[in-house]
Amino acid sequence: MQEIITALSNGSIYALMALAIGIIYSTTQIINFAHGSVIMIGAMTSYWLLSIFHMNYITAIILAVIINIVLSIVIYKVSVEKLGDLTQNSGWIVTLFGAGIILDNTARMLFGTEPKAYPFLFDGKVIPIFGTKIMVHEIMMILVAVLIGALYQIVMQKTNFGRAVRAVSFRPDTARIMGIRSNRIVLMCFAISGAVAAISGALIAPITFASYTMTYSVGIKAFAAALIGGLGNTRGAFVGGLLLGLIEEIANMIVPGGFVDSISFLIMIIVIIVLPGGILSAKLFNKGELNAEKI
């Protein structure tokens, strides 16, 4: 039971991180290479608010979300907006990588190089379930991920904003002709992605510790989950995240700790080679049609 809960909780946060990547990719067809750094900033900011200002957990995360939203808007304005047609201009690769490096170095100067012990929700309280003790924080990781994923799907399917996002995702030029301000929609998607990154960073930090190196230790797994599930496929993001969490937990039980990440990324490479569109592009799920979901 402990291994199952750990796999589900870690996998749920990987799914949230992959969802944030997919939100941007589905509307722009670009990969936000600064995403890992945005996750890290969300975690480090909320840690700073908790430890220095002694705010309560919820207030600290809300403020971290606001800061990440502003940060993501700035990243879009500075690194993406002026590049024009992103399908014809690959400059975003350099600009977003550069933005990530700037954030990493800034965090190292502001917060130091030592990993910080991030507090668990409810002071690390545990509850007995089927003969084992499960942390309430792990259960909250799963519940928050499910809630955000469900809320996102409802917004995309039931609101005018969601229809506008899907229109921009499917035909951005046609969406502009129809009066939809594509740049504003993309900007809002960057903001939503930043908010989700802040929440996922704060929830995973008690397990990984808060540090500027989270960009690599956690951010890369977000990309792995997104690729396993299929870039731009929001349902696939959750499949990829949960599958990655399960693979990690199984690997923890059968191989030395230093090889766990290697096993996870080996599986990712195999999936990308066999199913370039992600797990949900398999015929089993598409009845012979390889149609990647847009939003």
C-alpha atoms as a PDB file:
ATOM      1  CA  MET A   1       0.000   0.000   0.000  1.00  0.00           C
ATOM      2  CA  GLN A   2       2.821   2.417   0.839  1.00  0.00           C
ATOM      3  CA  GLU A   3       4.469   1.839  -2.536  1.00  0.00           C
ATOM      4  CA  ILE A   4       1.155   2.277  -4.347  1.00  0.00           C
ATOM      5  CA  ILE A   5       0.387   5.573  -2.601  1.00  0.00           C
ATOM      6  CA  THR A   6       3.924   6.860  -3.219  1.00  0.00           C
ATOM      7  CA  ALA A   7       3.689   5.967  -6.915  1.00  0.00           C
ATOM      8  CA  LEU A   8       0.286   7.633  -7.219  1.00  0.00           C
ATOM      9  CA  SER A   9       1.277  10.775  -5.310  1.00  0.00           C
ATOM     10  CA  ASN A  10       4.548  11.345  -7.184  1.00  0.00           C
ATOM     11  CA  GLY A  11       2.897  10.385 -10.457  1.00  0.00           C
ATOM     12  CA  SER A  12       0.073  12.845  -9.835  1.00  0.00           C
ATOM     13  CA  ILE A  13       2.512  15.733  -9.478  1.00  0.00           C
ATOM     14  CA  TYR A  14       4.450  14.614 -12.564  1.00  0.00           C
ATOM     15  CA  ALA A  15       1.071  14.659 -14.324  1.00  0.00           C
ATOM     16  CA  LEU A  16       0.407  18.238 -13.197  1.00  0.00           C
ATOM     17  CA  MET A  17       3.821  19.313 -14.446  1.00  0.00           C
ATOM     18  CA  ALA A  18       3.214  17.559 -17.763  1.00  0.00           C
ATOM     19  CA  LEU A  19      -0.215  19.216 -17.988  1.00  0.00           C
ATOM     20  CA  ALA A  20       1.435  22.632 -17.630  1.00  0.00           C
ATOM     21  CA  ILE A  21       3.795  21.783 -20.505  1.00  0.00           C
ATOM     22  CA  GLY A  22       0.878  20.565 -22.634  1.00  0.00           C
ATOM     23  CA  ILE A  23      -1.175  23.714 -22.024  1.00  0.00           C
ATOM     24  CA  ILE A  24       1.493  25.791 -23.774  1.00  0.00           C
ATOM     25  CA  TYR A  25       2.399  23.225 -26.424  1.00  0.00           C
ATOM     26  CA  SER A  26      -1.190  22.712 -27.558  1.00  0.00           C
ATOM     27  CA  THR A  27      -1.669  26.399 -28.386  1.00  0.00           C
ATOM     28  CA  THR A  28       1.808  27.291 -29.681  1.00  0.00           C
ATOM     29  CA  GLN A  29       3.411  24.005 -30.794  1.00  0.00           C
ATOM     30  CA  ILE A  30       6.496  24.951 -28.771  1.00  0.00           C
ATOM     31  CA  ILE A  31       8.038  23.345 -25.689  1.00  0.00           C
ATOM     32  CA  ASN A  32       8.612  25.697 -22.775  1.00  0.00           C
ATOM     33  CA  PHE A  33      12.219  24.850 -21.906  1.00  0.00           C
ATOM     34  CA  ALA A  34      12.022  27.257 -18.953  1.00  0.00           C
ATOM     35  CA  HIS A  35       9.251  25.172 -17.377  1.00  0.00           C
ATOM     36  CA  GLY A  36      11.523  23.324 -14.949  1.00  0.00           C
ATOM     37  CA  SER A  37      12.867  26.656 -13.722  1.00  0.00           C
ATOM     38  CA  VAL A  38       9.333  28.006 -13.245  1.00  0.00           C
ATOM     39  CA  ILE A  39       8.483  24.950 -11.116  1.00  0.00           C
ATOM     40  CA  MET A  40      11.596  25.583  -9.039  1.00  0.00           C
ATOM     41  CA  ILE A  41      10.765  29.273  -8.553  1.00  0.00           C
ATOM     42  CA  GLY A  42       7.291  28.324  -7.334  1.00  0.00           C
ATOM     43  CA  ALA A  43       8.750  25.908  -4.781  1.00  0.00           C
ATOM     44  CA  MET A  44      11.528  28.234  -3.604  1.00  0.00           C
ATOM     45  CA  THR A  45       9.208  31.241  -3.338  1.00  0.00           C
ATOM     46  CA  SER A  46       6.638  29.402  -1.238  1.00  0.00           C
ATOM     47  CA  TYR A  47       9.445  27.992   0.943  1.00  0.00           C
ATOM     48  CA  TRP A  48      10.802  31.506   1.468  1.00  0.00           C
ATOM     49  CA  LEU A  49       7.348  32.799   2.439  1.00  0.00           C
ATOM     50  CA  LEU A  50       6.854  29.884   4.840  1.00  0.00           C
ATOM     51  CA  SER A  51      10.253  30.082   6.536  1.00  0.00           C
ATOM     52  CA  ILE A  52      11.003  33.821   6.543  1.00  0.00           C
ATOM     53  CA  PHE A  53       7.558  35.356   6.938  1.00  0.00           C
ATOM     54  CA  HIS A  54       6.018  32.345   8.720  1.00  0.00           C
ATOM     55  CA  MET A  55       2.903  32.448   6.559  1.00  0.00           C
ATOM     56  CA  ASN A  56       0.456  29.574   6.617  1.00  0.00           C
ATOM     57  CA  TYR A  57       0.730  26.967   3.879  1.00  0.00           C
ATOM     58  CA  ILE A  58      -2.251  28.061   1.784  1.00  0.00           C
ATOM     59  CA  THR A  59      -1.328  31.769   1.801  1.00  0.00           C
ATOM     60  CA  ALA A  60       2.261  31.001   0.824  1.00  0.00           C
ATOM     61  CA  ILE A  61       1.162  28.830  -2.115  1.00  0.00           C
ATOM     62  CA  ILE A  62      -1.384  31.420  -3.304  1.00  0.00           C
ATOM     63  CA  LEU A  63       1.286  34.132  -3.316  1.00  0.00           C
ATOM     64  CA  ALA A  64       3.713  31.785  -5.079  1.00  0.00           C
ATOM     65  CA  VAL A  65       1.037  31.144  -7.709  1.00  0.00           C
ATOM     66  CA  ILE A  66       0.588  34.888  -8.260  1.00  0.00           C
ATOM     67  CA  ILE A  67       4.354  35.390  -8.554  1.00  0.00           C
ATOM     68  CA  ASN A  68       4.615  32.502 -11.020  1.00  0.00           C
ATOM     69  CA  ILE A  69       1.771  33.895 -13.124  1.00  0.00           C
ATOM     70  CA  VAL A  70       3.568  37.245 -13.394  1.00  0.00           C
ATOM     71  CA  LEU A  71       6.856  35.457 -14.119  1.00  0.00           C
ATOM     72  CA  SER A  72       5.282  33.330 -16.877  1.00  0.00           C
ATOM     73  CA  ILE A  73       3.727  36.411 -18.489  1.00  0.00           C
ATOM     74  CA  VAL A  74       7.134  38.125 -18.476  1.00  0.00           C
ATOM     75  CA  ILE A  75       8.742  35.024 -20.022  1.00  0.00           C
ATOM     76  CA  TYR A  76       6.149  35.030 -22.794  1.00  0.00           C
ATOM     77  CA  LYS A  77       6.481  38.774 -23.440  1.00  0.00           C
ATOM     78  CA  VAL A  78      10.271  38.742 -23.491  1.00  0.00           C
ATOM     79  CA  SER A  79      11.100  35.330 -24.953  1.00  0.00           C
ATOM     80  CA  VAL A  80       8.209  34.370 -27.244  1.00  0.00           C
ATOM     81  CA  GLU A  81       5.797  37.104 -28.300  1.00  0.00           C
ATOM     82  CA  LYS A  82       8.174  39.064 -30.549  1.00  0.00           C
ATOM     83  CA  LEU A  83       9.294  36.004 -32.524  1.00  0.00           C
ATOM     84  CA  GLY A  84       6.294  36.036 -34.857  1.00  0.00           C
ATOM     85  CA  ASP A  85       5.206  32.720 -36.397  1.00  0.00           C
ATOM     86  CA  LEU A  86       6.610  30.148 -33.986  1.00  0.00           C
ATOM     87  CA  THR A  87       6.241  27.335 -36.520  1.00  0.00           C
ATOM     88  CA  GLN A  88       8.657  29.168 -38.854  1.00  0.00           C
ATOM     89  CA  ASN A  89      10.994  30.679 -36.239  1.00  0.00           C
ATOM     90  CA  SER A  90      12.900  28.310 -33.956  1.00  0.00           C
ATOM     91  CA  GLY A  91      14.456  31.135 -31.948  1.00  0.00           C
ATOM     92  CA  TRP A  92      12.178  30.236 -29.037  1.00  0.00           C
ATOM     93  CA  ILE A  93      14.468  27.293 -28.276  1.00  0.00           C
ATOM     94  CA  VAL A  94      17.329  29.636 -27.426  1.00  0.00           C
ATOM     95  CA  THR A  95      15.228  32.333 -25.743  1.00  0.00           C
ATOM     96  CA  LEU A  96      13.394  29.910 -23.457  1.00  0.00           C
ATOM     97  CA  PHE A  97      16.583  28.035 -22.579  1.00  0.00           C
ATOM     98  CA  GLY A  98      18.166  31.388 -21.803  1.00  0.00           C
ATOM     99  CA  ALA A  99      15.212  32.419 -19.629  1.00  0.00           C
ATOM    100  CA  GLY A 100      15.580  29.176 -17.673  1.00  0.00           C
ATOM    101  CA  ILE A 101      19.304  29.725 -17.110  1.00  0.00           C
ATOM    102  CA  ILE A 102      18.651  33.261 -15.886  1.00  0.00           C
ATOM    103  CA  LEU A 103      16.026  31.992 -13.423  1.00  0.00           C
ATOM    104  CA  ASP A 104      18.328  29.222 -12.160  1.00  0.00           C
ATOM    105  CA  ASN A 105      21.220  31.579 -11.518  1.00  0.00           C
ATOM    106  CA  THR A 106      18.957  34.158  -9.910  1.00  0.00           C
ATOM    107  CA  ALA A 107      17.534  31.509  -7.572  1.00  0.00           C
ATOM    108  CA  ARG A 108      21.029  30.320  -6.674  1.00  0.00           C
ATOM    109  CA  MET A 109      22.022  33.858  -5.679  1.00  0.00           C
ATOM    110  CA  LEU A 110      18.813  34.602  -3.766  1.00  0.00           C
ATOM    111  CA  PHE A 111      18.230  31.276  -2.010  1.00  0.00           C
ATOM    112  CA  GLY A 112      21.706  29.749  -1.840  1.00  0.00           C
ATOM    113  CA  THR A 113      22.977  26.379  -3.016  1.00  0.00           C
ATOM    114  CA  GLU A 114      21.962  24.194  -0.052  1.00  0.00           C
ATOM    115  CA  PRO A 115      18.750  22.143  -0.428  1.00  0.00           C
ATOM    116  CA  LYS A 116      16.031  23.335   1.973  1.00  0.00           C
ATOM    117  CA  ALA A 117      13.803  21.013   3.999  1.00  0.00           C
ATOM    118  CA  TYR A 118      10.332  22.015   2.850  1.00  0.00           C
ATOM    119  CA  PRO A 119       7.556  21.369   5.433  1.00  0.00           C
ATOM    120  CA  PHE A 120       4.842  18.819   4.745  1.00  0.00           C
ATOM    121  CA  LEU A 121       1.173  19.707   4.789  1.00  0.00           C
ATOM    122  CA  PHE A 122      -0.468  19.145   8.186  1.00  0.00           C
ATOM    123  CA  ASP A 123       3.016  18.928   9.772  1.00  0.00           C
ATOM    124  CA  GLY A 124       3.652  15.522   8.233  1.00  0.00           C
ATOM    125  CA  LYS A 125       0.643  13.869   9.883  1.00  0.00           C
ATOM    126  CA  VAL A 126       0.125  10.199   8.981  1.00  0.00           C
ATOM    127  CA  ILE A 127      -3.008   8.061   9.006  1.00  0.00           C
ATOM    128  CA  PRO A 128      -3.229   4.252   9.150  1.00  0.00           C
ATOM    129  CA  ILE A 129      -4.567   2.616   5.983  1.00  0.00           C
ATOM    130  CA  PHE A 130      -4.653  -1.171   5.532  1.00  0.00           C
ATOM    131  CA  GLY A 131      -1.939  -1.741   8.088  1.00  0.00           C
ATOM    132  CA  THR A 132       0.467   0.923   6.863  1.00  0.00           C
ATOM    133  CA  LYS A 133       0.887   4.603   7.696  1.00  0.00           C
ATOM    134  CA  ILE A 134       0.261   7.010   4.836  1.00  0.00           C
ATOM    135  CA  MET A 135       1.143  10.689   4.986  1.00  0.00           C
ATOM    136  CA  VAL A 136      -1.781  13.074   4.588  1.00  0.00           C
ATOM    137  CA  HIS A 137       0.481  15.151   2.345  1.00  0.00           C
ATOM    138  CA  GLU A 138       0.691  12.284  -0.164  1.00  0.00           C
ATOM    139  CA  ILE A 139      -3.080  11.924  -0.235  1.00  0.00           C
ATOM    140  CA  MET A 140      -3.417  15.680  -0.786  1.00  0.00           C
ATOM    141  CA  MET A 141      -0.973  15.477  -3.695  1.00  0.00           C
ATOM    142  CA  ILE A 142      -3.308  13.019  -5.417  1.00  0.00           C
ATOM    143  CA  LEU A 143      -6.494  14.928  -4.609  1.00  0.00           C
ATOM    144  CA  VAL A 144      -5.118  18.302  -5.718  1.00  0.00           C
ATOM    145  CA  ALA A 145      -3.851  16.844  -9.000  1.00  0.00           C
ATOM    146  CA  VAL A 146      -7.208  15.195  -9.742  1.00  0.00           C
ATOM    147  CA  LEU A 147      -9.082  18.397  -8.838  1.00  0.00           C
ATOM    148  CA  ILE A 148      -6.921  20.611 -11.070  1.00  0.00           C
ATOM    149  CA  GLY A 149      -7.064  18.120 -13.952  1.00  0.00           C
ATOM    150  CA  ALA A 150     -10.866  17.833 -13.729  1.00  0.00           C
ATOM    151  CA  LEU A 151     -11.302  21.613 -13.396  1.00  0.00           C
ATOM    152  CA  TYR A 152      -9.108  22.202 -16.433  1.00  0.00           C
ATOM    153  CA  GLN A 153     -11.127  19.782 -18.544  1.00  0.00           C
ATOM    154  CA  ILE A 154     -14.389  21.435 -17.474  1.00  0.00           C
ATOM    155  CA  VAL A 155     -13.054  24.901 -18.331  1.00  0.00           C
ATOM    156  CA  MET A 156     -11.809  23.706 -21.728  1.00  0.00           C
ATOM    157  CA  GLN A 157     -15.054  21.968 -22.655  1.00  0.00           C
ATOM    158  CA  LYS A 158     -17.732  24.171 -21.066  1.00  0.00           C
ATOM    159  CA  THR A 159     -16.549  27.806 -21.250  1.00  0.00           C
ATOM    160  CA  ASN A 160     -16.024  30.397 -23.983  1.00  0.00           C
ATOM    161  CA  PHE A 161     -12.380  30.655 -22.958  1.00  0.00           C
ATOM    162  CA  GLY A 162     -11.963  26.914 -23.443  1.00  0.00           C
ATOM    163  CA  ARG A 163     -13.560  27.076 -26.897  1.00  0.00           C
ATOM    164  CA  ALA A 164     -11.251  29.966 -27.804  1.00  0.00           C
ATOM    165  CA  VAL A 165      -8.218  27.966 -26.651  1.00  0.00           C
ATOM    166  CA  ARG A 166      -9.288  24.991 -28.753  1.00  0.00           C
ATOM    167  CA  ALA A 167      -9.839  27.246 -31.759  1.00  0.00           C
ATOM    168  CA  VAL A 168      -6.356  28.754 -31.432  1.00  0.00           C
ATOM    169  CA  SER A 169      -4.919  25.276 -30.966  1.00  0.00           C
ATOM    170  CA  PHE A 170      -6.621  23.921 -34.096  1.00  0.00           C
ATOM    171  CA  ARG A 171      -6.348  26.868 -36.517  1.00  0.00           C
ATOM    172  CA  PRO A 172      -4.657  29.989 -35.064  1.00  0.00           C
ATOM    173  CA  ASP A 173      -4.962  32.001 -38.301  1.00  0.00           C
ATOM    174  CA  THR A 174      -8.637  31.155 -38.701  1.00  0.00           C
ATOM    175  CA  ALA A 175      -9.203  32.000 -35.033  1.00  0.00           C
ATOM    176  CA  ARG A 176      -7.802  35.488 -35.648  1.00  0.00           C
ATOM    177  CA  ILE A 177     -10.140  35.993 -38.602  1.00  0.00           C
ATOM    178  CA  MET A 178     -13.043  35.009 -36.351  1.00  0.00           C
ATOM    179  CA  GLY A 179     -12.084  37.775 -33.914  1.00  0.00           C
ATOM    180  CA  ILE A 180     -10.234  35.670 -31.333  1.00  0.00           C
ATOM    181  CA  ARG A 181      -7.151  37.449 -30.035  1.00  0.00           C
ATOM    182  CA  SER A 182      -4.705  34.563 -30.334  1.00  0.00           C
ATOM    183  CA  ASN A 183      -1.837  36.355 -28.582  1.00  0.00           C
ATOM    184  CA  ARG A 184      -4.005  37.022 -25.554  1.00  0.00           C
ATOM    185  CA  ILE A 185      -5.131  33.384 -25.428  1.00  0.00           C
ATOM    186  CA  VAL A 186      -1.525  32.176 -25.574  1.00  0.00           C
ATOM    187  CA  LEU A 187      -0.577  34.680 -22.874  1.00  0.00           C
ATOM    188  CA  MET A 188      -3.321  33.337 -20.613  1.00  0.00           C
ATOM    189  CA  CYS A 189      -2.150  29.776 -21.277  1.00  0.00           C
ATOM    190  CA  PHE A 190       1.362  30.753 -20.166  1.00  0.00           C
ATOM    191  CA  ALA A 191      -0.164  32.260 -17.010  1.00  0.00           C
ATOM    192  CA  ILE A 192      -2.203  29.104 -16.276  1.00  0.00           C
ATOM    193  CA  SER A 193       0.864  26.954 -16.883  1.00  0.00           C
ATOM    194  CA  GLY A 194       2.840  29.062 -14.394  1.00  0.00           C
ATOM    195  CA  ALA A 195       0.115  28.728 -11.759  1.00  0.00           C
ATOM    196  CA  VAL A 196       0.005  24.935 -12.138  1.00  0.00           C
ATOM    197  CA  ALA A 197       3.823  24.827 -11.981  1.00  0.00           C
ATOM    198  CA  ALA A 198       3.821  26.740  -8.669  1.00  0.00           C
ATOM    199  CA  ILE A 199       1.329  24.342  -7.082  1.00  0.00           C
ATOM    200  CA  SER A 200       3.109  21.221  -8.315  1.00  0.00           C
ATOM    201  CA  GLY A 201       6.498  22.578  -7.204  1.00  0.00           C
ATOM    202  CA  ALA A 202       5.219  23.332  -3.695  1.00  0.00           C
ATOM    203  CA  LEU A 203       3.653  19.881  -3.346  1.00  0.00           C
ATOM    204  CA  ILE A 204       6.687  17.912  -4.561  1.00  0.00           C
ATOM    205  CA  ALA A 205       9.284  20.016  -2.680  1.00  0.00           C
ATOM    206  CA  PRO A 206       8.769  18.314   0.731  1.00  0.00           C
ATOM    207  CA  ILE A 207       9.808  15.040  -0.924  1.00  0.00           C
ATOM    208  CA  THR A 208      12.647  16.295  -3.128  1.00  0.00           C
ATOM    209  CA  PHE A 209      13.736  19.250  -0.906  1.00  0.00           C
ATOM    210  CA  ALA A 210      13.590  22.808  -2.249  1.00  0.00           C
ATOM    211  CA  SER A 211      16.623  23.829  -4.268  1.00  0.00           C
ATOM    212  CA  TYR A 212      17.551  25.562  -7.496  1.00  0.00           C
ATOM    213  CA  THR A 213      18.614  22.110  -8.747  1.00  0.00           C
ATOM    214  CA  MET A 214      14.923  21.145  -8.857  1.00  0.00           C
ATOM    215  CA  THR A 215      15.058  22.498 -12.395  1.00  0.00           C
ATOM    216  CA  TYR A 216      16.888  19.332 -13.391  1.00  0.00           C
ATOM    217  CA  SER A 217      15.781  16.730 -10.847  1.00  0.00           C
ATOM    218  CA  VAL A 218      12.062  17.419 -11.214  1.00  0.00           C
ATOM    219  CA  GLY A 219      11.734  19.490 -14.369  1.00  0.00           C
ATOM    220  CA  ILE A 220      13.177  16.776 -16.595  1.00  0.00           C
ATOM    221  CA  LYS A 221      10.658  14.276 -15.221  1.00  0.00           C
ATOM    222  CA  ALA A 222       7.888  16.686 -16.163  1.00  0.00           C
ATOM    223  CA  PHE A 223       9.107  16.559 -19.767  1.00  0.00           C
ATOM    224  CA  ALA A 224       9.386  12.771 -19.557  1.00  0.00           C
ATOM    225  CA  ALA A 225       5.776  12.458 -18.367  1.00  0.00           C
ATOM    226  CA  ALA A 226       4.594  14.826 -21.116  1.00  0.00           C
ATOM    227  CA  LEU A 227       6.403  12.836 -23.802  1.00  0.00           C
ATOM    228  CA  ILE A 228       5.180   9.464 -22.490  1.00  0.00           C
ATOM    229  CA  GLY A 229       1.584  10.712 -22.457  1.00  0.00           C
ATOM    230  CA  GLY A 230       1.870  12.651 -25.710  1.00  0.00           C
ATOM    231  CA  LEU A 231       2.667  16.362 -26.064  1.00  0.00           C
ATOM    232  CA  GLY A 232      -0.498  18.463 -26.218  1.00  0.00           C
ATOM    233  CA  ASN A 233      -2.677  15.622 -24.928  1.00  0.00           C
ATOM    234  CA  THR A 234      -3.956  16.710 -21.515  1.00  0.00           C
ATOM    235  CA  ARG A 235      -5.436  13.322 -20.669  1.00  0.00           C
ATOM    236  CA  GLY A 236      -2.195  11.737 -21.798  1.00  0.00           C
ATOM    237  CA  ALA A 237      -0.316  14.000 -19.371  1.00  0.00           C
ATOM    238  CA  PHE A 238      -2.001  12.229 -16.465  1.00  0.00           C
ATOM    239  CA  VAL A 239      -1.402   8.807 -17.980  1.00  0.00           C
ATOM    240  CA  GLY A 240       2.259   9.674 -18.541  1.00  0.00           C
ATOM    241  CA  GLY A 241       2.697  11.129 -15.044  1.00  0.00           C
ATOM    242  CA  LEU A 242       1.098   8.186 -13.260  1.00  0.00           C
ATOM    243  CA  LEU A 243       2.996   5.697 -15.405  1.00  0.00           C
ATOM    244  CA  LEU A 244       6.286   7.453 -14.652  1.00  0.00           C
ATOM    245  CA  GLY A 245       5.511   7.429 -10.916  1.00  0.00           C
ATOM    246  CA  LEU A 246       4.736   3.708 -11.086  1.00  0.00           C
ATOM    247  CA  ILE A 247       7.909   2.947 -13.060  1.00  0.00           C
ATOM    248  CA  GLU A 248      10.001   4.854 -10.513  1.00  0.00           C
ATOM    249  CA  GLU A 249       8.506   2.981  -7.584  1.00  0.00           C
ATOM    250  CA  ILE A 250       8.999  -0.422  -9.222  1.00  0.00           C
ATOM    251  CA  ALA A 251      12.580   0.522 -10.130  1.00  0.00           C
ATOM    252  CA  ASN A 252      13.193   1.586  -6.509  1.00  0.00           C
ATOM    253  CA  MET A 253      12.363  -1.945  -5.382  1.00  0.00           C
ATOM    254  CA  ILE A 254      14.533  -3.838  -7.869  1.00  0.00           C
ATOM    255  CA  VAL A 255      17.570  -1.684  -8.746  1.00  0.00           C
ATOM    256  CA  PRO A 256      20.053   0.454  -6.758  1.00  0.00           C
ATOM    257  CA  GLY A 257      18.948   4.040  -6.142  1.00  0.00           C
ATOM    258  CA  GLY A 258      21.420   5.547  -8.592  1.00  0.00           C
ATOM    259  CA  PHE A 259      19.856   3.675 -11.503  1.00  0.00           C
ATOM    260  CA  VAL A 260      16.218   4.590 -10.857  1.00  0.00           C
ATOM    261  CA  ASP A 261      16.218   7.671 -13.078  1.00  0.00           C
ATOM    262  CA  SER A 262      18.054   5.740 -15.778  1.00  0.00           C
ATOM    263  CA  ILE A 263      15.300   3.108 -15.857  1.00  0.00           C
ATOM    264  CA  SER A 264      12.606   5.791 -16.022  1.00  0.00           C
ATOM    265  CA  PHE A 265      14.225   7.576 -18.941  1.00  0.00           C
ATOM    266  CA  LEU A 266      14.953   4.302 -20.723  1.00  0.00           C
ATOM    267  CA  ILE A 267      11.208   3.590 -20.661  1.00  0.00           C
ATOM    268  CA  MET A 268      10.590   7.125 -21.960  1.00  0.00           C
ATOM    269  CA  ILE A 269      12.987   6.562 -24.878  1.00  0.00           C
ATOM    270  CA  ILE A 270      11.294   3.262 -25.753  1.00  0.00           C
ATOM    271  CA  VAL A 271       7.841   4.869 -25.698  1.00  0.00           C
ATOM    272  CA  ILE A 272       9.007   7.766 -27.896  1.00  0.00           C
ATOM    273  CA  ILE A 273      10.517   5.342 -30.436  1.00  0.00           C
ATOM    274  CA  VAL A 274       7.565   2.931 -30.517  1.00  0.00           C
ATOM    275  CA  LEU A 275       4.756   5.487 -30.003  1.00  0.00           C
ATOM    276  CA  PRO A 276       5.969   8.967 -31.005  1.00  0.00           C
ATOM    277  CA  GLY A 277       2.516  10.379 -30.231  1.00  0.00           C
ATOM    278  CA  GLY A 278       2.542   9.030 -26.682  1.00  0.00           C
ATOM    279  CA  ILE A 279       0.817   6.136 -24.942  1.00  0.00           C
ATOM    280  CA  LEU A 280      -2.683   7.275 -25.921  1.00  0.00           C
ATOM    281  CA  SER A 281      -1.771   7.259 -29.603  1.00  0.00           C
ATOM    282  CA  ALA A 282      -1.741   3.448 -29.530  1.00  0.00           C
ATOM    283  CA  LYS A 283      -4.375   1.689 -31.650  1.00  0.00           C
ATOM    284  CA  LEU A 284      -5.804   0.212 -28.451  1.00  0.00           C
ATOM    285  CA  PHE A 285      -7.051   3.687 -27.500  1.00  0.00           C
ATOM    286  CA  ASN A 286      -7.724   5.119 -30.962  1.00  0.00           C
ATOM    287  CA  LYS A 287      -9.291   2.218 -32.854  1.00  0.00           C
ATOM    288  CA  GLY A 288      -6.661   2.455 -35.555  1.00  0.00           C
ATOM    289  CA  GLU A 289      -6.546   6.248 -35.824  1.00  0.00           C
ATOM    290  CA  LEU A 290      -3.527   8.120 -34.539  1.00  0.00           C
ATOM    291  CA  ASN A 291      -5.292  11.380 -33.722  1.00  0.00           C
ATOM    292  CA  ALA A 292      -3.557  13.325 -30.966  1.00  0.00           C
ATOM    293  CA  GLU A 293      -6.014  15.214 -28.777  1.00  0.00           C
ATOM    294  CA  LYS A 294      -5.902  18.979 -28.911  1.00  0.00           C
ATOM    295  CA  ILE A 295      -6.646  20.317 -25.417  1.00  0.00           C
END
